[in-house]
Amino acid sequence: MGVSTPYEGRPHAGWDPSAPIDAPLHLHECVVVSEWADYNDHMTESAYLLVAGDNSDAFFRYFGIDEAYRESGHSLFTVETHLRNLREASVGEGLSMTLWVLGVGDKRVHIAHELYRDRDGELIATAEQMLVHVDTSAGRSAPIPPDLRERLDAIAAAHAQLPRPEWIGRSIGL
């Protein structure tokens, strides 16, 4: 049995170039389930990444990557993630996520996630990710098609007004 997301099987709903683009996007919410709890009775570190991945999947469907797109031989792969676990979440707590596009290149997309605890609005985790567009038949990176690139550029332009968080681009060290 493979890992799936809550968006599995949901097709891209279509793109309206005249529709406003939220800055940041609010595409994913969830509730902490018992399978995500660790021996401290809090959400385990891997669950933070799982939730960020679900947020990414909602984002993919928002701008046009779904099962039909992947069946055509292309996808986005995550090539790097920087995850910060800031606060705890317990079983049954509601979580909400934001996502914004920090940059778009010919083959890459740089995104950021923020995860909030619903009961108090507290920021509990952040994730910064670099995605690469892939030709899955060739097994290598490939340019983002013009229609998707246009959509991503529009989202990035809408998100350019947001203040860049201090945690973007940070490295780990003592």
N, C-alpha and C. Protein backbone atom coordinates (compact mmCIF):
# COMPACT_ATOMS: atom_id res chain seq x y z
N MET A 1 0.84 -1.18 0.00
CA MET A 1 0.00 0.00 0.00
C MET A 1 0.89 1.24 0.00
N GLY A 2 0.67 2.13 -0.93
CA GLY A 2 1.47 3.35 -1.04
C GLY A 2 0.88 4.49 -0.25
N VAL A 3 1.66 5.53 -0.15
CA VAL A 3 1.21 6.74 0.52
C VAL A 3 0.34 7.52 -0.46
N SER A 4 -0.81 7.97 0.00
CA SER A 4 -1.68 8.79 -0.85
C SER A 4 -2.00 10.08 -0.10
N THR A 5 -2.56 11.02 -0.81
CA THR A 5 -2.95 12.29 -0.21
C THR A 5 -4.47 12.40 -0.21
N PRO A 6 -5.01 13.33 0.56
CA PRO A 6 -6.47 13.51 0.54
C PRO A 6 -6.98 13.98 -0.83
N TYR A 7 -6.07 14.40 -1.70
CA TYR A 7 -6.47 14.95 -3.00
C TYR A 7 -6.34 13.92 -4.12
N GLU A 8 -5.91 12.71 -3.77
CA GLU A 8 -5.75 11.64 -4.75
C GLU A 8 -7.04 11.46 -5.54
N GLY A 9 -6.93 11.45 -6.85
CA GLY A 9 -8.08 11.25 -7.71
C GLY A 9 -8.87 12.51 -8.03
N ARG A 10 -8.57 13.62 -7.37
CA ARG A 10 -9.27 14.87 -7.67
C ARG A 10 -8.61 15.55 -8.87
N PRO A 11 -9.37 15.83 -9.89
CA PRO A 11 -8.78 16.49 -11.07
C PRO A 11 -8.59 17.99 -10.84
N HIS A 12 -7.72 18.55 -11.65
CA HIS A 12 -7.54 20.01 -11.70
C HIS A 12 -8.88 20.61 -12.08
N ALA A 13 -9.33 21.62 -11.35
CA ALA A 13 -10.66 22.21 -11.56
C ALA A 13 -10.70 23.20 -12.71
N GLY A 14 -9.58 23.49 -13.30
CA GLY A 14 -9.53 24.48 -14.38
C GLY A 14 -8.91 25.77 -13.87
N TRP A 15 -8.39 26.54 -14.76
CA TRP A 15 -7.68 27.77 -14.43
C TRP A 15 -8.41 28.95 -15.05
N ASP A 16 -8.73 29.93 -14.26
CA ASP A 16 -9.34 31.17 -14.74
C ASP A 16 -8.30 32.27 -14.59
N PRO A 17 -7.68 32.70 -15.70
CA PRO A 17 -6.61 33.71 -15.59
C PRO A 17 -7.08 35.05 -15.05
N SER A 18 -8.38 35.29 -15.03
CA SER A 18 -8.89 36.57 -14.51
C SER A 18 -9.26 36.49 -13.02
N ALA A 19 -9.23 35.29 -12.46
CA ALA A 19 -9.61 35.13 -11.04
C ALA A 19 -8.50 35.68 -10.14
N PRO A 20 -8.88 36.29 -9.02
CA PRO A 20 -7.85 36.76 -8.08
C PRO A 20 -7.09 35.57 -7.50
N ILE A 21 -5.82 35.81 -7.17
CA ILE A 21 -4.97 34.79 -6.57
C ILE A 21 -4.69 35.21 -5.14
N ASP A 22 -5.08 34.37 -4.19
CA ASP A 22 -4.83 34.67 -2.78
C ASP A 22 -3.34 34.72 -2.49
N ALA A 23 -2.96 35.63 -1.62
CA ALA A 23 -1.55 35.77 -1.23
C ALA A 23 -1.47 35.80 0.29
N PRO A 24 -1.08 34.73 0.92
CA PRO A 24 -0.71 33.43 0.35
C PRO A 24 -1.95 32.59 0.03
N LEU A 25 -1.71 31.44 -0.60
CA LEU A 25 -2.81 30.52 -0.88
C LEU A 25 -3.21 29.79 0.40
N HIS A 26 -4.50 29.49 0.52
CA HIS A 26 -5.04 28.69 1.64
C HIS A 26 -5.77 27.51 0.99
N LEU A 27 -5.06 26.39 0.84
CA LEU A 27 -5.59 25.27 0.07
C LEU A 27 -5.83 24.00 0.88
N HIS A 28 -5.22 23.91 2.07
CA HIS A 28 -5.28 22.63 2.80
C HIS A 28 -5.51 22.84 4.29
N GLU A 29 -6.42 22.02 4.83
CA GLU A 29 -6.68 21.95 6.27
C GLU A 29 -6.77 20.47 6.62
N CYS A 30 -6.46 20.15 7.88
CA CYS A 30 -6.55 18.76 8.31
C CYS A 30 -6.72 18.71 9.83
N VAL A 31 -6.94 17.53 10.34
CA VAL A 31 -7.03 17.28 11.78
C VAL A 31 -5.98 16.22 12.10
N VAL A 32 -5.23 16.43 13.19
CA VAL A 32 -4.20 15.48 13.60
C VAL A 32 -4.87 14.17 14.00
N VAL A 33 -4.47 13.08 13.35
CA VAL A 33 -5.02 11.75 13.63
C VAL A 33 -4.06 10.98 14.51
N SER A 34 -4.55 9.95 15.18
CA SER A 34 -3.75 9.19 16.14
C SER A 34 -2.51 8.56 15.49
N GLU A 35 -2.60 8.20 14.22
CA GLU A 35 -1.46 7.59 13.52
C GLU A 35 -0.29 8.56 13.40
N TRP A 36 -0.53 9.85 13.59
CA TRP A 36 0.53 10.85 13.50
C TRP A 36 1.17 11.15 14.85
N ALA A 37 0.68 10.55 15.93
CA ALA A 37 1.18 10.85 17.27
C ALA A 37 2.40 9.99 17.60
N ASP A 38 3.37 10.58 18.31
CA ASP A 38 4.57 9.86 18.72
C ASP A 38 4.49 9.49 20.20
N TYR A 39 5.58 9.00 20.75
CA TYR A 39 5.63 8.58 22.15
C TYR A 39 5.51 9.74 23.12
N ASN A 40 5.61 10.98 22.66
CA ASN A 40 5.37 12.16 23.50
C ASN A 40 3.92 12.61 23.42
N ASP A 41 3.11 11.86 22.68
CA ASP A 41 1.69 12.14 22.48
C ASP A 41 1.46 13.45 21.71
N HIS A 42 2.42 13.79 20.85
CA HIS A 42 2.31 14.93 19.96
C HIS A 42 2.49 14.46 18.52
N MET A 43 2.19 15.33 17.59
CA MET A 43 2.39 15.03 16.18
C MET A 43 3.87 14.74 15.94
N THR A 44 4.17 13.60 15.33
CA THR A 44 5.55 13.19 15.11
C THR A 44 6.19 13.97 13.96
N GLU A 45 7.50 14.03 13.96
CA GLU A 45 8.21 14.86 12.98
C GLU A 45 7.88 14.49 11.54
N SER A 46 7.72 13.22 11.24
CA SER A 46 7.41 12.84 9.87
C SER A 46 6.02 13.31 9.44
N ALA A 47 5.10 13.46 10.40
CA ALA A 47 3.75 13.93 10.07
C ALA A 47 3.75 15.38 9.61
N TYR A 48 4.68 16.18 10.13
CA TYR A 48 4.79 17.57 9.67
C TYR A 48 5.11 17.59 8.17
N LEU A 49 6.01 16.72 7.75
CA LEU A 49 6.36 16.64 6.33
C LEU A 49 5.19 16.08 5.51
N LEU A 50 4.48 15.10 6.07
CA LEU A 50 3.32 14.54 5.39
C LEU A 50 2.28 15.64 5.12
N VAL A 51 2.00 16.47 6.12
CA VAL A 51 1.02 17.54 5.97
C VAL A 51 1.50 18.57 4.94
N ALA A 52 2.78 18.90 4.95
CA ALA A 52 3.32 19.82 3.93
C ALA A 52 3.17 19.20 2.54
N GLY A 53 3.40 17.90 2.44
CA GLY A 53 3.22 17.22 1.15
C GLY A 53 1.79 17.26 0.67
N ASP A 54 0.84 17.11 1.59
CA ASP A 54 -0.58 17.22 1.22
C ASP A 54 -0.90 18.64 0.75
N ASN A 55 -0.29 19.63 1.39
CA ASN A 55 -0.48 21.02 0.97
C ASN A 55 0.07 21.22 -0.44
N SER A 56 1.23 20.64 -0.71
CA SER A 56 1.81 20.71 -2.06
C SER A 56 0.88 20.07 -3.07
N ASP A 57 0.32 18.92 -2.71
CA ASP A 57 -0.57 18.22 -3.64
C ASP A 57 -1.81 19.06 -3.94
N ALA A 58 -2.34 19.75 -2.94
CA ALA A 58 -3.48 20.65 -3.18
C ALA A 58 -3.06 21.77 -4.13
N PHE A 59 -1.85 22.28 -3.93
CA PHE A 59 -1.30 23.32 -4.80
C PHE A 59 -1.14 22.82 -6.24
N PHE A 60 -0.63 21.61 -6.42
CA PHE A 60 -0.45 21.06 -7.76
C PHE A 60 -1.78 21.04 -8.50
N ARG A 61 -2.82 20.60 -7.83
CA ARG A 61 -4.14 20.53 -8.47
C ARG A 61 -4.70 21.93 -8.74
N TYR A 62 -4.34 22.87 -7.90
CA TYR A 62 -4.78 24.26 -8.07
C TYR A 62 -4.30 24.82 -9.42
N PHE A 63 -3.05 24.56 -9.79
CA PHE A 63 -2.55 25.16 -11.03
C PHE A 63 -2.47 24.18 -12.21
N GLY A 64 -2.77 22.88 -11.99
CA GLY A 64 -2.91 22.01 -13.15
C GLY A 64 -2.22 20.67 -13.16
N ILE A 65 -1.58 20.27 -12.09
CA ILE A 65 -0.95 18.95 -12.07
C ILE A 65 -1.83 18.00 -11.27
N ASP A 66 -2.34 16.99 -11.97
CA ASP A 66 -3.20 15.98 -11.35
C ASP A 66 -2.84 14.62 -11.95
N GLU A 67 -3.66 13.60 -11.72
CA GLU A 67 -3.36 12.26 -12.22
C GLU A 67 -3.25 12.25 -13.75
N ALA A 68 -4.14 12.97 -14.43
CA ALA A 68 -4.09 12.99 -15.89
C ALA A 68 -2.77 13.60 -16.38
N TYR A 69 -2.32 14.64 -15.72
CA TYR A 69 -1.04 15.25 -16.10
C TYR A 69 0.11 14.27 -15.88
N ARG A 70 0.10 13.60 -14.73
CA ARG A 70 1.17 12.64 -14.45
C ARG A 70 1.11 11.47 -15.41
N GLU A 71 -0.09 11.02 -15.79
CA GLU A 71 -0.21 9.93 -16.76
C GLU A 71 0.34 10.33 -18.13
N SER A 72 0.39 11.64 -18.39
CA SER A 72 0.94 12.10 -19.67
C SER A 72 2.47 12.04 -19.68
N GLY A 73 3.07 11.68 -18.54
CA GLY A 73 4.51 11.50 -18.49
C GLY A 73 5.30 12.62 -17.85
N HIS A 74 4.62 13.47 -17.07
CA HIS A 74 5.31 14.58 -16.42
C HIS A 74 4.81 14.74 -14.98
N SER A 75 5.64 15.33 -14.15
CA SER A 75 5.26 15.55 -12.75
C SER A 75 6.20 16.58 -12.15
N LEU A 76 5.91 16.97 -10.92
CA LEU A 76 6.84 17.76 -10.11
C LEU A 76 7.37 16.85 -9.01
N PHE A 77 8.69 16.86 -8.81
CA PHE A 77 9.32 16.11 -7.73
C PHE A 77 9.91 17.10 -6.75
N THR A 78 9.84 16.77 -5.48
CA THR A 78 10.52 17.56 -4.46
C THR A 78 11.97 17.12 -4.42
N VAL A 79 12.90 18.08 -4.57
CA VAL A 79 14.32 17.74 -4.54
C VAL A 79 15.01 18.23 -3.27
N GLU A 80 14.37 19.14 -2.54
CA GLU A 80 14.95 19.60 -1.28
C GLU A 80 13.84 20.16 -0.40
N THR A 81 13.95 19.88 0.89
CA THR A 81 13.00 20.40 1.88
C THR A 81 13.76 20.85 3.11
N HIS A 82 13.39 22.00 3.63
CA HIS A 82 13.90 22.48 4.92
C HIS A 82 12.67 22.66 5.80
N LEU A 83 12.54 21.79 6.79
CA LEU A 83 11.36 21.74 7.66
C LEU A 83 11.74 22.22 9.05
N ARG A 84 10.92 23.11 9.60
CA ARG A 84 11.11 23.57 10.99
C ARG A 84 9.88 23.19 11.80
N ASN A 85 10.10 22.43 12.88
CA ASN A 85 9.03 22.07 13.81
C ASN A 85 9.12 23.04 14.98
N LEU A 86 8.16 23.94 15.10
CA LEU A 86 8.22 25.03 16.08
C LEU A 86 7.39 24.78 17.35
N ARG A 87 6.26 24.13 17.22
CA ARG A 87 5.34 23.89 18.34
C ARG A 87 4.73 22.51 18.17
N GLU A 88 4.07 22.05 19.22
CA GLU A 88 3.42 20.75 19.19
C GLU A 88 1.97 20.87 18.73
N ALA A 89 1.47 19.77 18.22
CA ALA A 89 0.05 19.62 17.92
C ALA A 89 -0.36 18.26 18.46
N SER A 90 -1.57 18.18 18.99
CA SER A 90 -2.06 16.94 19.60
C SER A 90 -3.17 16.33 18.76
N VAL A 91 -3.42 15.06 18.99
CA VAL A 91 -4.48 14.34 18.29
C VAL A 91 -5.79 15.10 18.45
N GLY A 92 -6.50 15.26 17.34
CA GLY A 92 -7.78 15.93 17.34
C GLY A 92 -7.71 17.42 17.02
N GLU A 93 -6.50 17.99 17.05
CA GLU A 93 -6.39 19.43 16.77
C GLU A 93 -6.48 19.69 15.27
N GLY A 94 -7.16 20.77 14.93
CA GLY A 94 -7.27 21.20 13.55
C GLY A 94 -6.04 22.02 13.15
N LEU A 95 -5.61 21.84 11.92
CA LEU A 95 -4.46 22.55 11.38
C LEU A 95 -4.84 23.19 10.05
N SER A 96 -4.28 24.36 9.78
CA SER A 96 -4.50 25.07 8.52
C SER A 96 -3.15 25.44 7.93
N MET A 97 -3.07 25.44 6.61
CA MET A 97 -1.80 25.73 5.95
C MET A 97 -1.92 26.87 4.96
N THR A 98 -0.81 27.58 4.83
CA THR A 98 -0.67 28.54 3.74
C THR A 98 0.47 28.07 2.85
N LEU A 99 0.48 28.57 1.64
CA LEU A 99 1.54 28.24 0.69
C LEU A 99 1.75 29.45 -0.19
N TRP A 100 3.02 29.75 -0.46
CA TRP A 100 3.28 30.77 -1.46
C TRP A 100 4.45 30.39 -2.33
N VAL A 101 4.41 30.92 -3.54
CA VAL A 101 5.45 30.67 -4.54
C VAL A 101 6.48 31.76 -4.40
N LEU A 102 7.71 31.36 -4.09
CA LEU A 102 8.82 32.30 -3.92
C LEU A 102 9.54 32.57 -5.23
N GLY A 103 9.53 31.62 -6.15
CA GLY A 103 10.21 31.80 -7.42
C GLY A 103 9.89 30.67 -8.38
N VAL A 104 10.01 30.97 -9.67
CA VAL A 104 9.76 29.99 -10.72
C VAL A 104 10.87 30.11 -11.75
N GLY A 105 11.44 28.98 -12.13
CA GLY A 105 12.45 28.93 -13.18
C GLY A 105 11.96 28.06 -14.32
N ASP A 106 12.82 27.81 -15.29
CA ASP A 106 12.42 27.00 -16.44
C ASP A 106 11.99 25.60 -16.03
N LYS A 107 12.67 25.04 -15.01
CA LYS A 107 12.38 23.68 -14.58
C LYS A 107 12.05 23.56 -13.09
N ARG A 108 12.19 24.65 -12.35
CA ARG A 108 12.06 24.57 -10.89
C ARG A 108 11.03 25.54 -10.34
N VAL A 109 10.50 25.18 -9.17
CA VAL A 109 9.56 26.01 -8.44
C VAL A 109 10.00 26.01 -6.97
N HIS A 110 10.11 27.20 -6.38
CA HIS A 110 10.52 27.38 -4.99
C HIS A 110 9.28 27.80 -4.22
N ILE A 111 8.87 26.98 -3.22
CA ILE A 111 7.65 27.27 -2.48
C ILE A 111 7.92 27.28 -0.97
N ALA A 112 6.99 27.88 -0.24
CA ALA A 112 7.06 27.91 1.21
C ALA A 112 5.68 27.56 1.78
N HIS A 113 5.71 26.82 2.89
CA HIS A 113 4.51 26.43 3.63
C HIS A 113 4.59 27.00 5.04
N GLU A 114 3.44 27.37 5.58
CA GLU A 114 3.33 27.65 7.01
C GLU A 114 2.15 26.85 7.54
N LEU A 115 2.35 26.19 8.68
CA LEU A 115 1.34 25.35 9.30
C LEU A 115 0.91 25.99 10.61
N TYR A 116 -0.40 26.22 10.74
CA TYR A 116 -0.97 26.89 11.92
C TYR A 116 -1.90 25.96 12.67
N ARG A 117 -1.88 26.07 14.00
CA ARG A 117 -2.80 25.35 14.87
C ARG A 117 -4.08 26.18 14.94
N ASP A 118 -5.21 25.58 14.64
CA ASP A 118 -6.47 26.32 14.55
C ASP A 118 -6.92 26.91 15.89
N ARG A 119 -6.73 26.20 17.00
CA ARG A 119 -7.30 26.65 18.27
C ARG A 119 -6.74 27.98 18.74
N ASP A 120 -5.51 28.30 18.37
CA ASP A 120 -4.91 29.56 18.83
C ASP A 120 -4.21 30.34 17.72
N GLY A 121 -4.26 29.83 16.49
CA GLY A 121 -3.62 30.51 15.37
C GLY A 121 -2.11 30.51 15.42
N GLU A 122 -1.53 29.70 16.29
CA GLU A 122 -0.08 29.65 16.48
C GLU A 122 0.60 28.98 15.29
N LEU A 123 1.69 29.59 14.81
CA LEU A 123 2.52 28.98 13.77
C LEU A 123 3.27 27.82 14.40
N ILE A 124 3.06 26.60 13.90
CA ILE A 124 3.70 25.45 14.54
C ILE A 124 4.78 24.80 13.66
N ALA A 125 4.80 25.11 12.37
CA ALA A 125 5.84 24.55 11.50
C ALA A 125 5.93 25.36 10.22
N THR A 126 7.11 25.30 9.62
CA THR A 126 7.32 25.89 8.30
C THR A 126 8.07 24.87 7.45
N ALA A 127 7.90 24.97 6.16
CA ALA A 127 8.66 24.14 5.23
C ALA A 127 8.97 24.97 4.00
N GLU A 128 10.19 24.86 3.55
CA GLU A 128 10.63 25.49 2.31
C GLU A 128 11.02 24.35 1.39
N GLN A 129 10.55 24.39 0.15
CA GLN A 129 10.81 23.30 -0.77
C GLN A 129 11.23 23.79 -2.15
N MET A 130 12.11 23.01 -2.76
CA MET A 130 12.47 23.21 -4.16
C MET A 130 11.89 22.03 -4.92
N LEU A 131 11.11 22.33 -5.93
CA LEU A 131 10.47 21.32 -6.77
C LEU A 131 11.11 21.37 -8.16
N VAL A 132 11.20 20.23 -8.81
CA VAL A 132 11.71 20.20 -10.18
C VAL A 132 10.68 19.51 -11.06
N HIS A 133 10.47 20.07 -12.25
CA HIS A 133 9.56 19.48 -13.22
C HIS A 133 10.30 18.35 -13.93
N VAL A 134 9.65 17.19 -14.06
CA VAL A 134 10.32 15.99 -14.55
C VAL A 134 9.53 15.37 -15.70
N ASP A 135 10.27 14.92 -16.70
CA ASP A 135 9.74 14.04 -17.74
C ASP A 135 9.95 12.64 -17.20
N THR A 136 8.88 12.01 -16.72
CA THR A 136 9.02 10.72 -16.05
C THR A 136 9.39 9.60 -17.02
N SER A 137 9.06 9.75 -18.30
CA SER A 137 9.45 8.74 -19.29
C SER A 137 10.95 8.75 -19.50
N ALA A 138 11.54 9.94 -19.55
CA ALA A 138 12.99 10.07 -19.76
C ALA A 138 13.77 9.95 -18.45
N GLY A 139 13.08 10.12 -17.31
CA GLY A 139 13.75 10.05 -16.02
C GLY A 139 14.69 11.21 -15.78
N ARG A 140 14.30 12.40 -16.26
CA ARG A 140 15.15 13.57 -16.07
C ARG A 140 14.31 14.84 -16.01
N SER A 141 14.93 15.91 -15.56
CA SER A 141 14.21 17.19 -15.48
C SER A 141 13.84 17.66 -16.88
N ALA A 142 12.79 18.47 -16.92
CA ALA A 142 12.28 18.97 -18.20
C ALA A 142 11.66 20.34 -17.98
N PRO A 143 11.67 21.19 -19.00
CA PRO A 143 11.04 22.51 -18.85
C PRO A 143 9.56 22.40 -18.48
N ILE A 144 9.12 23.33 -17.66
CA ILE A 144 7.71 23.43 -17.31
C ILE A 144 6.96 23.89 -18.56
N PRO A 145 5.87 23.22 -18.97
CA PRO A 145 5.13 23.62 -20.16
C PRO A 145 4.63 25.07 -20.06
N PRO A 146 4.51 25.76 -21.19
CA PRO A 146 4.14 27.18 -21.18
C PRO A 146 2.85 27.50 -20.43
N ASP A 147 1.81 26.66 -20.54
CA ASP A 147 0.56 26.98 -19.85
C ASP A 147 0.74 26.91 -18.33
N LEU A 148 1.44 25.90 -17.84
CA LEU A 148 1.68 25.81 -16.40
C LEU A 148 2.65 26.90 -15.94
N ARG A 149 3.64 27.20 -16.75
CA ARG A 149 4.59 28.26 -16.40
C ARG A 149 3.87 29.60 -16.27
N GLU A 150 2.96 29.86 -17.17
CA GLU A 150 2.18 31.11 -17.12
C GLU A 150 1.38 31.20 -15.81
N ARG A 151 0.77 30.10 -15.41
CA ARG A 151 0.01 30.07 -14.17
C ARG A 151 0.92 30.27 -12.96
N LEU A 152 2.04 29.56 -12.94
CA LEU A 152 2.99 29.68 -11.84
C LEU A 152 3.56 31.10 -11.75
N ASP A 153 3.86 31.70 -12.90
CA ASP A 153 4.36 33.08 -12.90
C ASP A 153 3.30 34.04 -12.34
N ALA A 154 2.03 33.80 -12.66
CA ALA A 154 0.94 34.64 -12.14
C ALA A 154 0.84 34.50 -10.62
N ILE A 155 0.97 33.27 -10.13
CA ILE A 155 0.92 33.05 -8.69
C ILE A 155 2.12 33.71 -8.02
N ALA A 156 3.31 33.53 -8.59
CA ALA A 156 4.52 34.14 -8.03
C ALA A 156 4.40 35.66 -8.00
N ALA A 157 3.82 36.25 -9.03
CA ALA A 157 3.64 37.71 -9.07
C ALA A 157 2.70 38.16 -7.96
N ALA A 158 1.62 37.41 -7.75
CA ALA A 158 0.68 37.75 -6.67
C ALA A 158 1.35 37.61 -5.30
N HIS A 159 2.25 36.67 -5.17
CA HIS A 159 2.91 36.41 -3.90
C HIS A 159 4.14 37.29 -3.67
N ALA A 160 4.60 37.96 -4.71
CA ALA A 160 5.78 38.83 -4.58
C ALA A 160 5.54 39.99 -3.61
N GLN A 161 4.26 40.33 -3.38
CA GLN A 161 3.93 41.41 -2.45
C GLN A 161 4.11 41.01 -0.99
N LEU A 162 4.19 39.71 -0.71
CA LEU A 162 4.33 39.24 0.67
C LEU A 162 5.74 39.49 1.18
N PRO A 163 5.88 39.86 2.44
CA PRO A 163 7.24 40.01 2.99
C PRO A 163 7.92 38.65 3.04
N ARG A 164 9.16 38.60 2.62
CA ARG A 164 9.91 37.34 2.61
C ARG A 164 10.27 36.95 4.05
N PRO A 165 9.83 35.78 4.50
CA PRO A 165 10.12 35.37 5.87
C PRO A 165 11.63 35.21 6.11
N GLU A 166 12.05 35.50 7.34
CA GLU A 166 13.46 35.40 7.68
C GLU A 166 13.97 33.97 7.61
N TRP A 167 13.11 33.00 7.68
CA TRP A 167 13.54 31.61 7.69
C TRP A 167 13.81 31.05 6.30
N ILE A 168 13.46 31.76 5.25
CA ILE A 168 13.70 31.29 3.89
C ILE A 168 15.21 31.30 3.61
N GLY A 169 15.71 30.19 3.10
CA GLY A 169 17.13 30.11 2.73
C GLY A 169 18.08 29.86 3.87
N ARG A 170 17.55 29.65 5.07
CA ARG A 170 18.43 29.39 6.22
C ARG A 170 19.09 28.04 6.12
N SER A 171 20.24 27.93 6.74
CA SER A 171 20.90 26.63 6.83
C SER A 171 21.00 26.23 8.29
N ILE A 172 21.30 24.99 8.52
CA ILE A 172 21.41 24.46 9.87
C ILE A 172 22.87 24.49 10.30
N GLY A 173 23.11 24.88 11.52
CA GLY A 173 24.47 24.88 12.05
C GLY A 173 24.46 25.19 13.53
N LEU A 174 25.59 24.96 14.16
CA LEU A 174 25.73 25.25 15.60
C LEU A 174 26.20 26.67 15.79
